[in-house]
Amino acid sequence: MFIKKLHLQNFRCYRDFTIEFSPKLTVIVA
């Protein structure tokens, strides 16, 4: 799965937050 961008709006303390991920970034969550 590839995630290019994450956008949070009115979520907890984030009113409007966007982050774009680098194509070279690898994240593994277990």
C-alpha atoms as a PDB file:
ATOM      1  CA  MET A   1       0.000   0.000   0.000  1.00  0.00           C
ATOM      2  CA  PHE A   2       1.258   3.471  -0.867  1.00  0.00           C
ATOM      3  CA  ILE A   3       0.151   6.539   1.064  1.00  0.00           C
ATOM      4  CA  LYS A   4       1.121   9.809  -0.575  1.00  0.00           C
ATOM      5  CA  LYS A   5      -0.706  12.323   1.622  1.00  0.00           C
ATOM      6  CA  LEU A   6      -2.511  12.427   4.950  1.00  0.00           C
ATOM      7  CA  HIS A   7      -5.051  15.140   5.739  1.00  0.00           C
ATOM      8  CA  LEU A   8      -6.679  15.584   9.158  1.00  0.00           C
ATOM      9  CA  GLN A   9      -9.526  18.006   9.685  1.00  0.00           C
ATOM     10  CA  ASN A  10     -11.228  18.629  13.045  1.00  0.00           C
ATOM     11  CA  PHE A  11      -9.566  15.565  14.576  1.00  0.00           C
ATOM     12  CA  ARG A  12      -8.685  15.940  18.264  1.00  0.00           C
ATOM     13  CA  CYS A  13      -6.258  18.869  18.521  1.00  0.00           C
ATOM     14  CA  TYR A  14      -5.720  19.111  14.736  1.00  0.00           C
ATOM     15  CA  ARG A  15      -7.960  21.683  13.126  1.00  0.00           C
ATOM     16  CA  ASP A  16      -6.460  21.430   9.636  1.00  0.00           C
ATOM     17  CA  PHE A  17      -3.318  19.337   9.159  1.00  0.00           C
ATOM     18  CA  THR A  18      -1.766  17.907   5.975  1.00  0.00           C
ATOM     19  CA  ILE A  19       1.425  15.928   5.550  1.00  0.00           C
ATOM     20  CA  GLU A  20       2.908  14.601   2.315  1.00  0.00           C
ATOM     21  CA  PHE A  21       5.153  11.549   2.463  1.00  0.00           C
ATOM     22  CA  SER A  22       8.323  11.009   0.474  1.00  0.00           C
ATOM     23  CA  PRO A  23       8.271   8.108  -2.018  1.00  0.00           C
ATOM     24  CA  LYS A  24      11.478   6.843  -0.376  1.00  0.00           C
ATOM     25  CA  LEU A  25       9.891   6.596   3.089  1.00  0.00           C
ATOM     26  CA  THR A  26       9.225   3.083   4.417  1.00  0.00           C
ATOM     27  CA  VAL A  27       6.942   2.511   7.400  1.00  0.00           C
ATOM     28  CA  ILE A  28       6.050  -0.879   8.855  1.00  0.00           C
ATOM     29  CA  VAL A  29       3.489  -1.065  11.670  1.00  0.00           C
ATOM     30  CA  ALA A  30       2.651  -4.342  13.361  1.00  0.00           C
END
